[in-house]
Amino acid sequence: MPTNFTAGPVRVRVPATSANLGPGFDALGLALGLYDDLAAEVSSGGVQVTVAGQGAGELPADDQHLVVRAMRATFDVLGAQPTGLSVECVNRIPQARGLGSSSAAIVAGVLLARALVADGVERLDEPALLLLAAEIEGHPDNVAPCLLGGFTLAWTETAGARAVSLPVADAVRPTVFVPSERGLTATARAALPATVPHADAALTAGRAALLVHALTTDPALLMPATVDRLHQDYRAAGMPGTSSLVSALREAGVAAVVSGAGPSVLAFGEPPAGFDAGTDWQIWKLPIDVSGARVARGRLGHAERDPVAAGRKS
């Protein structure tokens, strides 16, 4: 084995995320207690990927797998490209549902590759990790909470992506409504207009600022703080079930938004007794992940290989 690679496997746990949170389009994100566990090691040749749980039998098992592509991009940055890789994925984050499955794969790949290079941590620090992950993803709103945990504010400067993580008020209790149908971020973005009315932009900017206060200090303000006029209404026709559920929850007094590009729905709190979301939705109460992605040495253990949704409370 080349001396610049570490011997043996490394593993990583990455959280699901919800981006935008209503008015914080492409800027705000939240890490959720639902996790993918992955392990990787350098091999003598070829690429082998095994997938259990979400995406099993659907995702590529070779270099085209997003985790491997992120690893290859990171190895390129570190100047140490191995000939072979063995990757094991236990996926619990639903694919293409607006809960950050792609960002989780990218963050996992970047962290696994860095850990497999002997001096990777010294050569690729935390800000550089965010820069690279956001460059691969295309925007930082999901990769930031996946890396950092908690409630994140992300932005892009000339040099690339930056982000900060803020603590969330104890009273904030996310509930996620996950449909069986899938959505595509590219399709959701294509529904957005090139320009929006100035009044809508001004209102949404104000509510995004209020949302920071509501999530960190005063959750009683979450209903007005989650009003958005930049993206959700424009995407409604492409996911009518999602739009209807968001409206129904808000009419019932629950601050609800589209999770990322959808079609999942994120609610801050539980629906009232008797609320009927219909049969098309799985309803999960999730804690907020405060640690972000975590790396360790060794293979996945028995519990980590269990495809049951780790961290999900119901």
Protein backbone atom coordinates (compact mmCIF):
# COMPACT_ATOMS: atom_id res chain seq x y z
CA MET A 1 0.00 0.00 0.00
CA PRO A 2 1.36 3.48 -0.83
CA THR A 3 2.88 5.14 2.21
CA ASN A 4 0.71 8.24 1.79
CA PHE A 5 -2.46 6.25 2.53
CA THR A 6 -3.50 5.03 5.96
CA ALA A 7 -3.82 1.31 6.61
CA GLY A 8 -7.24 -0.11 7.35
CA PRO A 9 -10.74 1.32 7.02
CA VAL A 10 -12.22 4.57 8.22
CA ARG A 11 -15.89 5.28 8.86
CA VAL A 12 -18.14 8.32 8.92
CA ARG A 13 -21.64 9.15 10.11
CA VAL A 14 -23.42 12.00 8.27
CA PRO A 15 -26.77 13.59 9.19
CA ALA A 16 -29.77 14.39 7.05
CA THR A 17 -30.41 18.06 6.47
CA SER A 18 -33.23 20.40 5.56
CA ALA A 19 -32.31 23.50 3.57
CA ASN A 20 -34.00 26.85 2.93
CA LEU A 21 -36.36 26.54 5.95
CA GLY A 22 -38.83 28.76 4.12
CA PRO A 23 -37.35 32.21 3.50
CA GLY A 24 -33.66 31.26 3.81
CA PHE A 25 -33.28 30.21 0.18
CA ASP A 26 -29.81 28.77 -0.56
CA ALA A 27 -28.56 30.10 2.78
CA LEU A 28 -30.15 28.48 5.84
CA GLY A 29 -30.05 24.82 6.80
CA LEU A 30 -30.72 22.48 9.71
CA ALA A 31 -29.05 19.16 10.58
CA LEU A 32 -31.46 16.40 11.57
CA GLY A 33 -30.95 13.25 13.63
CA LEU A 34 -31.26 10.76 10.80
CA TYR A 35 -27.98 9.27 9.59
CA ASP A 36 -26.11 7.48 6.84
CA ASP A 37 -23.14 5.37 8.01
CA LEU A 38 -20.28 4.67 5.61
CA ALA A 39 -16.88 3.03 5.69
CA ALA A 40 -14.06 2.96 3.16
CA GLU A 41 -10.55 1.69 2.69
CA VAL A 42 -7.91 1.73 -0.02
CA SER A 43 -7.70 -1.54 -1.96
CA SER A 44 -5.26 -3.02 -4.43
CA GLY A 45 -7.35 -2.16 -7.47
CA GLY A 46 -10.82 -1.45 -8.76
CA VAL A 47 -13.78 0.13 -7.01
CA GLN A 48 -16.37 -1.83 -5.06
CA VAL A 49 -19.41 -0.15 -3.47
CA THR A 50 -22.04 -1.94 -1.42
CA VAL A 51 -25.28 -0.19 -0.46
CA ALA A 52 -27.81 -1.24 2.18
CA GLY A 53 -31.02 0.59 3.03
CA GLN A 54 -32.12 3.57 0.97
CA GLY A 55 -30.98 3.29 -2.65
CA ALA A 56 -29.96 -0.35 -2.43
CA GLY A 57 -30.17 -1.95 -5.87
CA GLU A 58 -30.53 1.48 -7.51
CA LEU A 59 -27.32 3.40 -6.85
CA PRO A 60 -24.14 2.73 -8.86
CA ALA A 61 -21.65 0.25 -7.42
CA ASP A 62 -18.60 1.74 -9.16
CA ASP A 63 -16.83 5.05 -9.79
CA GLN A 64 -20.15 6.67 -10.71
CA HIS A 65 -21.41 6.46 -7.12
CA LEU A 66 -21.56 9.99 -5.70
CA VAL A 67 -19.55 9.05 -2.61
CA VAL A 68 -16.74 7.73 -4.79
CA ARG A 69 -16.87 10.77 -7.06
CA ALA A 70 -16.51 13.02 -4.01
CA MET A 71 -13.66 10.87 -2.74
CA ARG A 72 -11.89 11.07 -6.09
CA ALA A 73 -12.28 14.86 -6.15
CA THR A 74 -10.79 15.06 -2.66
CA PHE A 75 -7.90 12.75 -3.53
CA ASP A 76 -7.17 15.01 -6.50
CA VAL A 77 -6.94 18.01 -4.17
CA LEU A 78 -4.63 16.06 -1.87
CA GLY A 79 -2.54 14.75 -4.76
CA ALA A 80 -2.93 11.13 -3.69
CA GLN A 81 -5.21 9.12 -5.96
CA PRO A 82 -5.50 5.41 -5.00
CA THR A 83 -6.01 2.77 -7.66
CA GLY A 84 -8.71 0.94 -5.73
CA LEU A 85 -11.40 1.63 -3.14
CA SER A 86 -13.81 -0.45 -1.11
CA VAL A 87 -16.83 1.50 0.14
CA GLU A 88 -19.72 0.35 2.31
CA CYS A 89 -22.85 2.52 2.61
CA VAL A 90 -25.73 2.03 5.04
CA ASN A 91 -28.23 4.64 3.91
CA ARG A 92 -31.16 5.82 6.01
CA ILE A 93 -31.68 9.26 4.47
CA PRO A 94 -34.39 8.97 1.80
CA GLN A 95 -33.14 9.58 -1.73
CA ALA A 96 -34.42 12.62 -3.68
CA ARG A 97 -36.84 13.77 -0.99
CA GLY A 98 -35.36 17.13 0.01
CA LEU A 99 -33.50 15.80 3.06
CA GLY A 100 -29.94 16.22 1.83
CA SER A 101 -29.08 12.70 0.67
CA SER A 102 -26.76 14.03 -2.05
CA SER A 103 -25.04 16.44 0.32
CA ALA A 104 -24.60 13.65 2.86
CA ALA A 105 -22.95 11.49 0.19
CA ILE A 106 -20.63 14.33 -0.82
CA VAL A 107 -19.66 15.21 2.75
CA ALA A 108 -19.09 11.53 3.52
CA GLY A 109 -16.88 11.13 0.48
CA VAL A 110 -14.79 14.21 1.24
CA LEU A 111 -14.28 13.17 4.87
CA LEU A 112 -13.51 9.54 4.06
CA ALA A 113 -10.91 10.51 1.47
CA ARG A 114 -9.26 13.01 3.79
CA ALA A 115 -9.08 10.41 6.56
CA LEU A 116 -7.50 7.84 4.22
CA VAL A 117 -4.58 10.15 3.40
CA ALA A 118 -1.93 10.10 6.10
CA ASP A 119 -1.60 13.87 6.39
CA GLY A 120 -5.05 14.69 5.01
CA VAL A 121 -6.32 16.51 8.09
CA GLU A 122 -3.29 18.82 8.13
CA ARG A 123 -3.62 19.56 4.41
CA LEU A 124 -7.40 20.00 4.26
CA ASP A 125 -8.76 21.89 7.26
CA GLU A 126 -12.43 22.48 8.15
CA PRO A 127 -12.95 25.65 6.04
CA ALA A 128 -11.31 23.88 3.09
CA LEU A 129 -13.67 20.91 3.59
CA LEU A 130 -16.67 23.21 3.29
CA LEU A 131 -15.22 24.91 0.21
CA LEU A 132 -14.65 21.58 -1.52
CA ALA A 133 -17.99 20.02 -0.55
CA ALA A 134 -19.90 23.12 -1.66
CA GLU A 135 -17.99 23.20 -4.94
CA ILE A 136 -18.96 19.60 -5.65
CA GLU A 137 -22.59 20.15 -4.58
CA GLY A 138 -22.98 23.53 -6.28
CA HIS A 139 -24.29 25.42 -3.23
CA PRO A 140 -23.54 25.28 0.50
CA ASP A 141 -26.97 25.28 2.19
CA ASN A 142 -27.09 21.48 2.72
CA VAL A 143 -23.40 20.62 3.03
CA ALA A 144 -22.91 23.24 5.77
CA PRO A 145 -25.31 21.71 8.32
CA CYS A 146 -24.17 18.22 7.34
CA LEU A 147 -20.58 19.14 8.18
CA LEU A 148 -21.15 21.46 11.13
CA GLY A 149 -24.42 20.30 12.67
CA GLY A 150 -27.12 22.49 14.17
CA PHE A 151 -28.67 25.49 12.44
CA THR A 152 -26.34 26.96 9.83
CA LEU A 153 -26.07 30.17 7.87
CA ALA A 154 -24.07 29.71 4.68
CA TRP A 155 -22.94 32.18 2.06
CA THR A 156 -20.54 32.34 -0.86
CA GLU A 157 -17.72 34.83 -1.31
CA THR A 158 -15.20 35.21 -4.11
CA ALA A 159 -13.03 32.57 -2.48
CA GLY A 160 -15.96 30.17 -2.08
CA ALA A 161 -18.42 28.99 0.54
CA ARG A 162 -18.40 29.93 4.21
CA ALA A 163 -20.77 29.05 7.03
CA VAL A 164 -21.46 29.41 10.73
CA SER A 165 -23.45 27.14 13.03
CA LEU A 166 -25.78 28.53 15.69
CA PRO A 167 -27.42 26.75 18.65
CA VAL A 168 -31.14 26.04 18.34
CA ALA A 169 -33.65 26.86 21.07
CA ASP A 170 -34.65 23.82 23.12
CA ALA A 171 -38.34 24.26 22.27
CA VAL A 172 -37.77 23.65 18.55
CA ARG A 173 -39.05 20.17 17.70
CA PRO A 174 -38.86 19.22 14.00
CA THR A 175 -41.34 16.85 12.40
CA VAL A 176 -40.66 15.63 8.87
CA PHE A 177 -43.36 14.43 6.46
CA VAL A 178 -41.80 12.18 3.82
CA PRO A 179 -43.78 11.13 0.72
CA SER A 180 -43.24 8.04 -1.38
CA GLU A 181 -42.77 10.18 -4.48
CA ARG A 182 -39.38 11.61 -5.33
CA GLY A 183 -38.32 15.01 -6.54
CA LEU A 184 -35.34 16.40 -8.41
CA THR A 185 -33.52 19.55 -7.32
CA ALA A 186 -32.82 20.46 -10.95
CA THR A 187 -36.52 20.29 -11.78
CA ALA A 188 -37.43 22.39 -8.74
CA ARG A 189 -34.83 25.02 -9.65
CA ALA A 190 -36.07 25.15 -13.22
CA ALA A 191 -39.47 26.28 -11.92
CA LEU A 192 -37.99 29.45 -10.42
CA PRO A 193 -38.24 32.75 -12.33
CA ALA A 194 -35.16 34.75 -13.23
CA THR A 195 -36.48 37.75 -11.26
CA VAL A 196 -39.01 38.33 -8.48
CA PRO A 197 -40.89 41.48 -7.42
CA HIS A 198 -38.87 43.77 -5.17
CA ALA A 199 -41.59 43.66 -2.51
CA ASP A 200 -41.42 39.86 -2.36
CA ALA A 201 -37.63 39.93 -2.05
CA ALA A 202 -37.80 42.53 0.72
CA LEU A 203 -40.45 40.63 2.66
CA THR A 204 -38.54 37.35 2.39
CA ALA A 205 -35.25 38.95 3.49
CA GLY A 206 -36.96 40.31 6.58
CA ARG A 207 -38.51 36.96 7.42
CA ALA A 208 -35.17 35.17 6.96
CA ALA A 209 -33.63 37.55 9.49
CA LEU A 210 -36.55 36.91 11.85
CA LEU A 211 -36.13 33.16 11.38
CA VAL A 212 -32.60 33.32 12.81
CA HIS A 213 -34.04 34.93 15.96
CA ALA A 214 -36.97 32.52 16.10
CA LEU A 215 -34.87 29.36 15.82
CA THR A 216 -32.18 30.46 18.24
CA THR A 217 -34.13 32.50 20.79
CA ASP A 218 -37.92 32.74 20.38
CA PRO A 219 -39.67 29.80 18.70
CA ALA A 220 -43.04 31.49 19.28
CA LEU A 221 -42.20 33.57 16.20
CA LEU A 222 -41.66 30.60 13.88
CA MET A 223 -44.98 31.04 12.08
CA PRO A 224 -44.33 34.56 10.76
CA ALA A 225 -40.61 33.78 10.44
CA THR A 226 -41.21 30.96 7.93
CA VAL A 227 -43.15 33.03 5.37
CA ASP A 228 -41.46 32.84 1.96
CA ARG A 229 -42.16 34.43 -1.42
CA LEU A 230 -39.00 33.51 -3.27
CA HIS A 231 -39.37 29.84 -4.17
CA GLN A 232 -42.17 27.78 -2.61
CA ASP A 233 -45.12 29.25 -4.52
CA TYR A 234 -43.28 28.92 -7.83
CA ARG A 235 -42.61 25.24 -7.17
CA ALA A 236 -46.10 24.42 -5.92
CA ALA A 237 -47.50 23.27 -9.28
CA GLY A 238 -44.75 20.66 -9.59
CA MET A 239 -45.53 19.11 -6.20
CA PRO A 240 -49.18 19.83 -5.38
CA GLY A 241 -49.32 17.33 -2.52
CA THR A 242 -46.43 19.04 -0.79
CA SER A 243 -47.95 22.47 -1.29
CA SER A 244 -51.31 21.31 0.05
CA LEU A 245 -49.75 19.76 3.16
CA VAL A 246 -47.71 22.89 3.92
CA SER A 247 -50.87 25.00 3.63
CA ALA A 248 -52.92 22.60 5.79
CA LEU A 249 -50.30 22.52 8.52
CA ARG A 250 -49.98 26.28 8.58
CA GLU A 251 -53.76 26.67 8.72
CA ALA A 252 -53.65 24.31 11.71
CA GLY A 253 -51.16 26.60 13.43
CA VAL A 254 -47.96 24.67 12.67
CA ALA A 255 -45.03 26.49 11.08
CA ALA A 256 -44.35 24.29 8.05
CA VAL A 257 -42.15 24.69 4.97
CA VAL A 258 -40.95 22.69 2.00
CA SER A 259 -37.82 20.79 3.01
CA GLY A 260 -35.09 21.79 0.61
CA ALA A 261 -36.33 21.40 -2.95
CA GLY A 262 -39.04 18.99 -1.73
CA PRO A 263 -41.13 17.00 -1.84
CA SER A 264 -40.73 16.39 1.92
CA VAL A 265 -42.25 18.87 4.37
CA LEU A 266 -40.52 20.18 7.49
CA ALA A 267 -42.75 21.28 10.37
CA PHE A 268 -41.53 23.01 13.51
CA GLY A 269 -43.69 21.16 15.99
CA GLU A 270 -46.32 18.44 15.92
CA PRO A 271 -49.67 18.74 14.16
CA PRO A 272 -52.67 19.09 16.47
CA ALA A 273 -54.68 16.07 17.56
CA GLY A 274 -56.91 14.84 14.78
CA PHE A 275 -54.82 16.36 11.99
CA ASP A 276 -54.93 14.06 8.97
CA ALA A 277 -51.94 14.26 6.64
CA GLY A 278 -53.29 11.44 4.51
CA THR A 279 -51.83 8.05 3.73
CA ASP A 280 -49.10 9.28 1.37
CA TRP A 281 -46.81 10.53 4.13
CA GLN A 282 -44.47 8.94 6.62
CA ILE A 283 -44.27 11.15 9.70
CA TRP A 284 -40.98 11.24 11.59
CA LYS A 285 -40.14 13.20 14.71
CA LEU A 286 -36.45 13.94 14.47
CA PRO A 287 -34.04 15.51 16.93
CA ILE A 288 -31.72 18.25 15.77
CA ASP A 289 -28.21 16.96 15.17
CA VAL A 290 -25.73 19.24 16.92
CA SER A 291 -22.47 17.47 16.07
CA GLY A 292 -22.45 17.27 12.29
CA ALA A 293 -20.43 14.64 10.43
CA ARG A 294 -18.23 12.40 12.57
CA VAL A 295 -15.21 10.36 11.48
CA ALA A 296 -13.60 7.38 13.24
CA ARG A 297 -11.22 4.54 12.50
CA GLY A 298 -12.40 1.01 11.84
CA ARG A 299 -15.21 -0.78 10.09
CA LEU A 300 -18.92 -0.30 10.63
CA GLY A 301 -20.23 -2.14 13.66
CA HIS A 302 -23.32 -4.30 13.88
CA ALA A 303 -25.56 -1.41 14.96
CA GLU A 304 -24.21 0.87 12.24
CA ARG A 305 -25.00 -1.75 9.60
CA ASP A 306 -28.64 -1.84 10.66
CA PRO A 307 -30.58 -0.03 7.89
CA VAL A 308 -33.32 1.00 10.32
CA ALA A 309 -33.49 4.79 10.53
CA ALA A 310 -30.99 5.56 13.29
CA GLY A 311 -31.99 8.61 15.26
CA ARG A 312 -35.61 8.55 14.15
CA LYS A 313 -37.98 8.61 17.09
CA SER A 314 -41.21 7.67 15.36
